[in-house]
C-alpha atoms as a PDB file:
ATOM      1  CA  UNK A   1      -6.539  -0.365 -34.431  1.00  0.00           C
ATOM      2  CA  UNK A   2      -4.518   2.926 -33.831  1.00  0.00           C
ATOM      3  CA  UNK A   3      -6.600   3.440 -30.231  1.00  0.00           C
ATOM      4  CA  UNK A   4      -5.717   0.404 -29.315  1.00  0.00           C
ATOM      5  CA  UNK A   5      -1.802   0.980 -29.778  1.00  0.00           C
ATOM      6  CA  UNK A   6      -2.332   4.762 -28.196  1.00  0.00           C
ATOM      7  CA  UNK A   7      -3.587   2.695 -25.508  1.00  0.00           C
ATOM      8  CA  UNK A   8      -0.578  -0.086 -25.248  1.00  0.00           C
ATOM      9  CA  UNK A   9       1.482   3.183 -25.923  1.00  0.00           C
ATOM     10  CA  UNK A  10       0.004   4.765 -22.779  1.00  0.00           C
ATOM     11  CA  UNK A  11       0.011   2.302 -20.783  1.00  0.00           C
ATOM     12  CA  UNK A  12       3.968   1.328 -21.567  1.00  0.00           C
ATOM     13  CA  UNK A  13       4.693   5.458 -20.963  1.00  0.00           C
ATOM     14  CA  UNK A  14       2.821   5.082 -17.464  1.00  0.00           C
ATOM     15  CA  UNK A  15       4.481   1.935 -16.416  1.00  0.00           C
ATOM     16  CA  UNK A  16       8.036   3.669 -17.557  1.00  0.00           C
ATOM     17  CA  UNK A  17       7.289   6.543 -15.492  1.00  0.00           C
ATOM     18  CA  UNK A  18       5.740   4.498 -12.429  1.00  0.00           C
ATOM     19  CA  UNK A  19       9.224   2.063 -12.947  1.00  0.00           C
ATOM     20  CA  UNK A  20      11.168   5.295 -12.020  1.00  0.00           C
ATOM     21  CA  UNK A  21       8.526   6.496  -9.439  1.00  0.00           C
ATOM     22  CA  UNK A  22       8.776   2.727  -7.892  1.00  0.00           C
ATOM     23  CA  UNK A  23      12.932   2.605  -8.009  1.00  0.00           C
ATOM     24  CA  UNK A  24      12.357   6.140  -5.970  1.00  0.00           C
ATOM     25  CA  UNK A  25       9.859   4.418  -3.792  1.00  0.00           C
ATOM     26  CA  UNK A  26      12.313   1.587  -2.790  1.00  0.00           C
ATOM     27  CA  UNK A  27      15.064   3.077  -2.576  1.00  0.00           C
ATOM     28  CA  UNK A  28      13.198   5.447   0.235  1.00  0.00           C
ATOM     29  CA  UNK A  29      11.478   2.997   1.486  1.00  0.00           C
ATOM     30  CA  UNK A  30      14.776   0.830   2.184  1.00  0.00           C
ATOM     31  CA  UNK A  31      16.364   3.697   3.225  1.00  0.00           C
ATOM     32  CA  UNK A  32      13.962   3.869   6.073  1.00  0.00           C
ATOM     33  CA  UNK A  33      13.939   0.495   7.208  1.00  0.00           C
ATOM     34  CA  UNK A  34      17.753   0.433   6.963  1.00  0.00           C
ATOM     35  CA  UNK A  35      17.882   3.194   9.749  1.00  0.00           C
ATOM     36  CA  UNK A  36      15.036   2.105  11.695  1.00  0.00           C
ATOM     37  CA  UNK A  37      13.996   5.244  11.525  1.00  0.00           C
ATOM     38  CA  UNK A  38       9.924   3.867  10.547  1.00  0.00           C
ATOM     39  CA  UNK A  39       7.693   0.523  10.850  1.00  0.00           C
ATOM     40  CA  UNK A  40       7.332  -0.927   7.939  1.00  0.00           C
ATOM     41  CA  UNK A  41       3.993   0.320   7.249  1.00  0.00           C
ATOM     42  CA  UNK A  42       4.625   3.977   8.028  1.00  0.00           C
ATOM     43  CA  UNK A  43       8.004   3.798   6.150  1.00  0.00           C
ATOM     44  CA  UNK A  44       5.573   2.037   3.063  1.00  0.00           C
ATOM     45  CA  UNK A  45       3.375   5.559   3.084  1.00  0.00           C
ATOM     46  CA  UNK A  46       6.301   8.044   3.258  1.00  0.00           C
ATOM     47  CA  UNK A  47       8.416   6.550   0.460  1.00  0.00           C
ATOM     48  CA  UNK A  48       5.117   5.993  -1.664  1.00  0.00           C
ATOM     49  CA  UNK A  49       3.318   9.624  -0.704  1.00  0.00           C
ATOM     50  CA  UNK A  50       7.019  11.112  -2.755  1.00  0.00           C
ATOM     51  CA  UNK A  51       6.953   8.500  -5.535  1.00  0.00           C
ATOM     52  CA  UNK A  52       3.720   9.092  -6.242  1.00  0.00           C
ATOM     53  CA  UNK A  53       3.586  12.249  -6.809  1.00  0.00           C
ATOM     54  CA  UNK A  54       6.636  12.099  -8.925  1.00  0.00           C
ATOM     55  CA  UNK A  55       4.687   9.603 -11.370  1.00  0.00           C
ATOM     56  CA  UNK A  56       1.411  12.616 -11.054  1.00  0.00           C
ATOM     57  CA  UNK A  57       3.284  15.638 -12.108  1.00  0.00           C
ATOM     58  CA  UNK A  58       4.888  13.181 -14.836  1.00  0.00           C
ATOM     59  CA  UNK A  59       2.672  10.952 -16.304  1.00  0.00           C
ATOM     60  CA  UNK A  60      -0.461  13.712 -16.372  1.00  0.00           C
ATOM     61  CA  UNK A  61       2.201  15.821 -18.965  1.00  0.00           C
ATOM     62  CA  UNK A  62       4.140  12.963 -20.745  1.00  0.00           C
ATOM     63  CA  UNK A  63       1.455  10.161 -21.035  1.00  0.00           C
ATOM     64  CA  UNK A  64      -1.791  11.657 -20.715  1.00  0.00           C
ATOM     65  CA  UNK A  65      -0.908  15.516 -22.289  1.00  0.00           C
ATOM     66  CA  UNK A  66      -2.156  17.435 -19.532  1.00  0.00           C
ATOM     67  CA  UNK A  67      -0.217  20.401 -18.352  1.00  0.00           C
ATOM     68  CA  UNK A  68      -0.843  23.744 -16.310  1.00  0.00           C
ATOM     69  CA  UNK A  69      -2.481  24.955 -13.433  1.00  0.00           C
ATOM     70  CA  UNK A  70      -4.860  22.707 -12.989  1.00  0.00           C
ATOM     71  CA  UNK A  71      -3.062  19.475 -12.509  1.00  0.00           C
ATOM     72  CA  UNK A  72      -2.600  20.803  -8.819  1.00  0.00           C
ATOM     73  CA  UNK A  73      -6.146  21.807  -8.117  1.00  0.00           C
ATOM     74  CA  UNK A  74      -6.085  17.945  -9.393  1.00  0.00           C
ATOM     75  CA  UNK A  75      -4.066  16.444  -7.252  1.00  0.00           C
ATOM     76  CA  UNK A  76      -5.375  16.450  -3.918  1.00  0.00           C
ATOM     77  CA  UNK A  77      -8.031  14.169  -5.947  1.00  0.00           C
ATOM     78  CA  UNK A  78      -5.393  11.477  -6.361  1.00  0.00           C
ATOM     79  CA  UNK A  79      -3.471  12.071  -3.349  1.00  0.00           C
ATOM     80  CA  UNK A  80      -6.847  10.757  -1.465  1.00  0.00           C
ATOM     81  CA  UNK A  81      -7.691   8.207  -3.564  1.00  0.00           C
ATOM     82  CA  UNK A  82      -3.648   7.131  -3.553  1.00  0.00           C
ATOM     83  CA  UNK A  83      -3.745   7.826   0.596  1.00  0.00           C
ATOM     84  CA  UNK A  84      -6.511   4.494   0.705  1.00  0.00           C
ATOM     85  CA  UNK A  85      -4.604   3.104  -2.190  1.00  0.00           C
ATOM     86  CA  UNK A  86      -1.073   3.155   0.227  1.00  0.00           C
ATOM     87  CA  UNK A  87      -2.915   2.480   3.206  1.00  0.00           C
ATOM     88  CA  UNK A  88      -4.543  -1.182   1.537  1.00  0.00           C
ATOM     89  CA  UNK A  89      -1.212  -2.371  -0.147  1.00  0.00           C
ATOM     90  CA  UNK A  90       0.673  -0.985   3.102  1.00  0.00           C
ATOM     91  CA  UNK A  91      -1.208  -2.938   5.047  1.00  0.00           C
ATOM     92  CA  UNK A  92      -1.201  -6.150   2.560  1.00  0.00           C
ATOM     93  CA  UNK A  93       2.991  -5.897   2.540  1.00  0.00           C
ATOM     94  CA  UNK A  94       2.723  -5.762   6.386  1.00  0.00           C
ATOM     95  CA  UNK A  95       1.016  -9.142   5.847  1.00  0.00           C
ATOM     96  CA  UNK A  96       2.911 -10.647   3.829  1.00  0.00           C
ATOM     97  CA  UNK A  97       5.322  -9.716   5.333  1.00  0.00           C
ATOM     98  CA  UNK A  98       4.725 -11.814   8.156  1.00  0.00           C
ATOM     99  CA  UNK A  99       4.188 -14.995   6.193  1.00  0.00           C
ATOM    100  CA  UNK A 100       7.113 -14.887   4.136  1.00  0.00           C
ATOM    101  CA  UNK A 101       9.051 -14.546   7.494  1.00  0.00           C
ATOM    102  CA  UNK A 102       6.978 -17.182   8.918  1.00  0.00           C
ATOM    103  CA  UNK A 103       7.594 -19.406   6.126  1.00  0.00           C
ATOM    104  CA  UNK A 104      11.449 -18.261   5.426  1.00  0.00           C
ATOM    105  CA  UNK A 105      10.698 -17.665   1.594  1.00  0.00           C
ATOM    106  CA  UNK A 106      13.087 -14.318   1.481  1.00  0.00           C
ATOM    107  CA  UNK A 107      15.661 -16.666   2.109  1.00  0.00           C
ATOM    108  CA  UNK A 108      15.502 -17.981  -0.672  1.00  0.00           C
ATOM    109  CA  UNK A 109      15.378 -14.902  -2.733  1.00  0.00           C
ATOM    110  CA  UNK A 110      17.591 -13.140  -0.305  1.00  0.00           C
ATOM    111  CA  UNK A 111      15.723 -10.197   0.293  1.00  0.00           C
ATOM    112  CA  UNK A 112      13.859  -8.480   3.290  1.00  0.00           C
ATOM    113  CA  UNK A 113      10.533  -9.596   3.834  1.00  0.00           C
ATOM    114  CA  UNK A 114       9.404  -5.823   3.415  1.00  0.00           C
ATOM    115  CA  UNK A 115      10.751  -5.421  -0.354  1.00  0.00           C
ATOM    116  CA  UNK A 116       9.528  -9.222  -1.428  1.00  0.00           C
ATOM    117  CA  UNK A 117       6.488  -8.147  -0.218  1.00  0.00           C
ATOM    118  CA  UNK A 118       6.286  -5.125  -1.845  1.00  0.00           C
ATOM    119  CA  UNK A 119       8.103  -6.067  -5.157  1.00  0.00           C
ATOM    120  CA  UNK A 120       5.333  -8.863  -5.009  1.00  0.00           C
ATOM    121  CA  UNK A 121       2.619  -6.400  -5.109  1.00  0.00           C
ATOM    122  CA  UNK A 122       3.808  -4.272  -7.095  1.00  0.00           C
ATOM    123  CA  UNK A 123       2.038  -5.080 -10.448  1.00  0.00           C
ATOM    124  CA  UNK A 124      -1.167  -4.834  -8.783  1.00  0.00           C
ATOM    125  CA  UNK A 125      -0.679  -1.101  -7.795  1.00  0.00           C
ATOM    126  CA  UNK A 126       0.565  -0.102 -11.072  1.00  0.00           C
ATOM    127  CA  UNK A 127      -2.380  -1.554 -12.775  1.00  0.00           C
ATOM    128  CA  UNK A 128      -5.026   0.541 -10.523  1.00  0.00           C
ATOM    129  CA  UNK A 129      -2.983   3.639 -10.111  1.00  0.00           C
ATOM    130  CA  UNK A 130      -2.857   3.491 -14.145  1.00  0.00           C
ATOM    131  CA  UNK A 131      -6.398   3.467 -14.488  1.00  0.00           C
ATOM    132  CA  UNK A 132      -7.278   5.856 -11.844  1.00  0.00           C
ATOM    133  CA  UNK A 133      -5.014   8.507 -13.094  1.00  0.00           C
ATOM    134  CA  UNK A 134      -6.852   7.994 -16.983  1.00  0.00           C
ATOM    135  CA  UNK A 135     -10.144   7.924 -15.495  1.00  0.00           C
ATOM    136  CA  UNK A 136      -8.798  11.858 -13.529  1.00  0.00           C
ATOM    137  CA  UNK A 137      -7.352  13.066 -16.528  1.00  0.00           C
ATOM    138  CA  UNK A 138      -9.970  12.732 -18.290  1.00  0.00           C
ATOM    139  CA  UNK A 139     -11.992  14.065 -16.083  1.00  0.00           C
ATOM    140  CA  UNK A 140      -9.473  16.954 -16.579  1.00  0.00           C
ATOM    141  CA  UNK A 141      -9.628  17.170 -19.910  1.00  0.00           C
ATOM    142  CA  UNK A 142     -13.544  17.795 -19.531  1.00  0.00           C
END
């Protein structure tokens, strides 16, 4: 029973930290799109990379209780996984944006198609990130 509570607490804590990272991600993503600096997919890659680095350092210390210089070494593995994940989700966001725009779903919710697409995909991304972070930090601990 105690292990199950700790697992749920870890996920909720990770979700909270990821939520802070997600807000950072959405703000940067929105600013890049608003200022037309980058296209949808590349804007998502930039904003996601900044946010995921924040989530890595905070969650490994607070949720998975891993501290020290070793975090920087495993950060490369985390970035590699996240590059694959961001590439995958960025393409899906671009695809969903086209569908949302075509059927004008965004007019109902009053969000831009890319933002709405990112909102829809966030729960799936959160779950995959939690399990990968849990796996990677278990390797750090040995």
